[in-house]
Amino acid sequence: MARIVVLGAGFAGLWAALGAARKRDEIGAPAADVEILVVDRNPYHNIRTWGALHTVGWDRQLYTSGAPAKVTKQVINQQRIYPPRNGARADILAAAAPTVQKPPPAARR
């Protein structure tokens, strides 16, 4: 089996892996014959965009944008998505509790 290894799970790594998968499909190689492996130092996907929008509701109405929305995004990406790193079961469950995760402060525009 051939293996394509992509180092880094950021934007370029994602596009490299997608490009490799498209090329594999284009030449007709079965997925079982060509493995595409993405390796990153973090155990999560690592795309960060520069711009930010904060929307609310099912219809995704704009709540904030620009710098205030970027602050909200940083809170979500750096504090809420990842469980506490100490590995304590009680802390992980407490972090996942909806009552603990109030909406981050944002200046509404």
Protein backbone atom coordinates (compact mmCIF):
# COMPACT_ATOMS: atom_id res chain seq x y z
CA MET A 1 0.00 0.00 0.00
CA ALA A 2 1.23 3.48 -0.87
CA ARG A 3 1.03 6.16 1.80
CA ILE A 4 0.90 9.92 1.39
CA VAL A 5 1.81 11.71 4.62
CA VAL A 6 0.76 15.34 5.08
CA LEU A 7 2.54 17.16 7.90
CA GLY A 8 0.30 19.74 9.57
CA ALA A 9 -3.47 19.95 9.93
CA GLY A 10 -3.80 23.63 9.11
CA PHE A 11 -5.21 25.20 5.97
CA ALA A 12 -2.35 24.08 3.72
CA GLY A 13 -2.41 20.57 5.18
CA LEU A 14 -6.13 20.28 4.56
CA TRP A 15 -5.74 21.36 0.94
CA ALA A 16 -2.77 19.04 0.43
CA ALA A 17 -4.79 16.08 1.73
CA LEU A 18 -7.84 17.02 -0.37
CA GLY A 19 -5.64 17.48 -3.44
CA ALA A 20 -4.06 14.08 -2.90
CA ALA A 21 -7.50 12.47 -2.51
CA ARG A 22 -8.73 14.13 -5.70
CA LYS A 23 -5.66 13.00 -7.62
CA ARG A 24 -6.07 9.46 -6.26
CA ASP A 25 -9.67 9.45 -7.49
CA GLU A 26 -8.67 11.00 -10.82
CA ILE A 27 -6.21 8.21 -11.60
CA GLY A 28 -8.67 5.58 -10.42
CA ALA A 29 -6.61 4.26 -7.52
CA PRO A 30 -8.71 2.54 -4.84
CA ALA A 31 -8.64 4.23 -1.44
CA ALA A 32 -7.50 0.93 0.06
CA ASP A 33 -4.34 1.10 -2.11
CA VAL A 34 -3.33 4.71 -1.35
CA GLU A 35 -3.58 5.88 2.25
CA ILE A 36 -3.62 9.63 2.96
CA LEU A 37 -2.43 10.34 6.48
CA VAL A 38 -2.50 13.80 8.09
CA VAL A 39 -0.10 14.22 11.03
CA ASP A 40 -0.21 17.18 13.40
CA ARG A 41 1.21 17.92 16.84
CA ASN A 42 -2.32 18.67 18.09
CA PRO A 43 -5.11 16.08 18.48
CA TYR A 44 -7.59 18.32 16.64
CA HIS A 45 -8.10 20.02 13.30
CA ASN A 46 -6.17 23.27 13.27
CA ILE A 47 -7.74 25.75 10.86
CA ARG A 48 -7.93 29.29 12.15
CA THR A 49 -9.39 32.07 10.02
CA TRP A 50 -8.51 35.71 10.46
CA GLY A 51 -11.97 37.15 10.06
CA ALA A 52 -14.78 36.40 12.45
CA LEU A 53 -18.54 36.55 12.55
CA HIS A 54 -20.71 35.73 15.55
CA THR A 55 -24.21 34.66 14.54
CA VAL A 56 -27.17 33.63 16.68
CA GLY A 57 -30.28 31.53 16.18
CA TRP A 58 -31.28 28.92 13.66
CA ASP A 59 -31.36 31.53 10.93
CA ARG A 60 -27.82 32.69 11.84
CA GLN A 61 -28.49 36.39 12.22
CA LEU A 62 -25.35 38.49 12.55
CA TYR A 63 -24.65 39.34 16.21
CA THR A 64 -21.12 40.77 16.02
CA SER A 65 -18.25 40.91 13.55
CA GLY A 66 -14.65 42.00 13.47
CA ALA A 67 -12.66 42.33 16.71
CA PRO A 68 -15.53 41.58 19.15
CA ALA A 69 -16.45 38.44 17.21
CA LYS A 70 -12.80 37.39 17.13
CA VAL A 71 -12.71 37.52 20.95
CA THR A 72 -15.78 35.25 21.06
CA LYS A 73 -14.15 32.89 18.57
CA GLN A 74 -10.96 32.73 20.65
CA VAL A 75 -12.95 31.83 23.78
CA ILE A 76 -14.69 29.04 21.88
CA ASN A 77 -11.51 27.72 20.22
CA GLN A 78 -9.20 28.01 23.20
CA GLN A 79 -11.45 27.27 26.18
CA ARG A 80 -14.67 25.53 25.20
CA ILE A 81 -13.92 23.07 22.44
CA TYR A 82 -11.13 21.30 24.28
CA PRO A 83 -11.69 19.56 27.60
CA PRO A 84 -9.57 20.47 30.62
CA ARG A 85 -6.07 19.13 30.12
CA ASN A 86 -5.69 17.79 33.66
CA GLY A 87 -7.63 14.65 32.70
CA ALA A 88 -9.85 14.76 35.78
CA ARG A 89 -13.22 13.20 34.91
CA ALA A 90 -15.17 15.62 37.11
CA ASP A 91 -13.52 18.65 35.49
CA ILE A 92 -14.20 17.33 31.97
CA LEU A 93 -17.87 16.70 32.76
CA ALA A 94 -18.22 20.08 34.45
CA ALA A 95 -16.73 21.83 31.40
CA ALA A 96 -19.26 20.08 29.16
CA ALA A 97 -22.26 21.09 31.27
CA PRO A 98 -24.50 23.61 29.45
CA THR A 99 -24.97 25.62 32.66
CA VAL A 100 -21.20 26.21 32.82
CA GLN A 101 -20.98 27.49 29.28
CA LYS A 102 -22.81 30.80 29.25
CA PRO A 103 -22.47 32.81 26.04
CA PRO A 104 -19.16 34.67 25.89
CA PRO A 105 -19.36 38.44 26.34
CA ALA A 106 -19.59 40.35 23.09
CA ALA A 107 -20.28 43.92 22.17
CA ARG A 108 -23.38 43.79 20.00
CA ARG A 109 -23.21 45.97 16.91
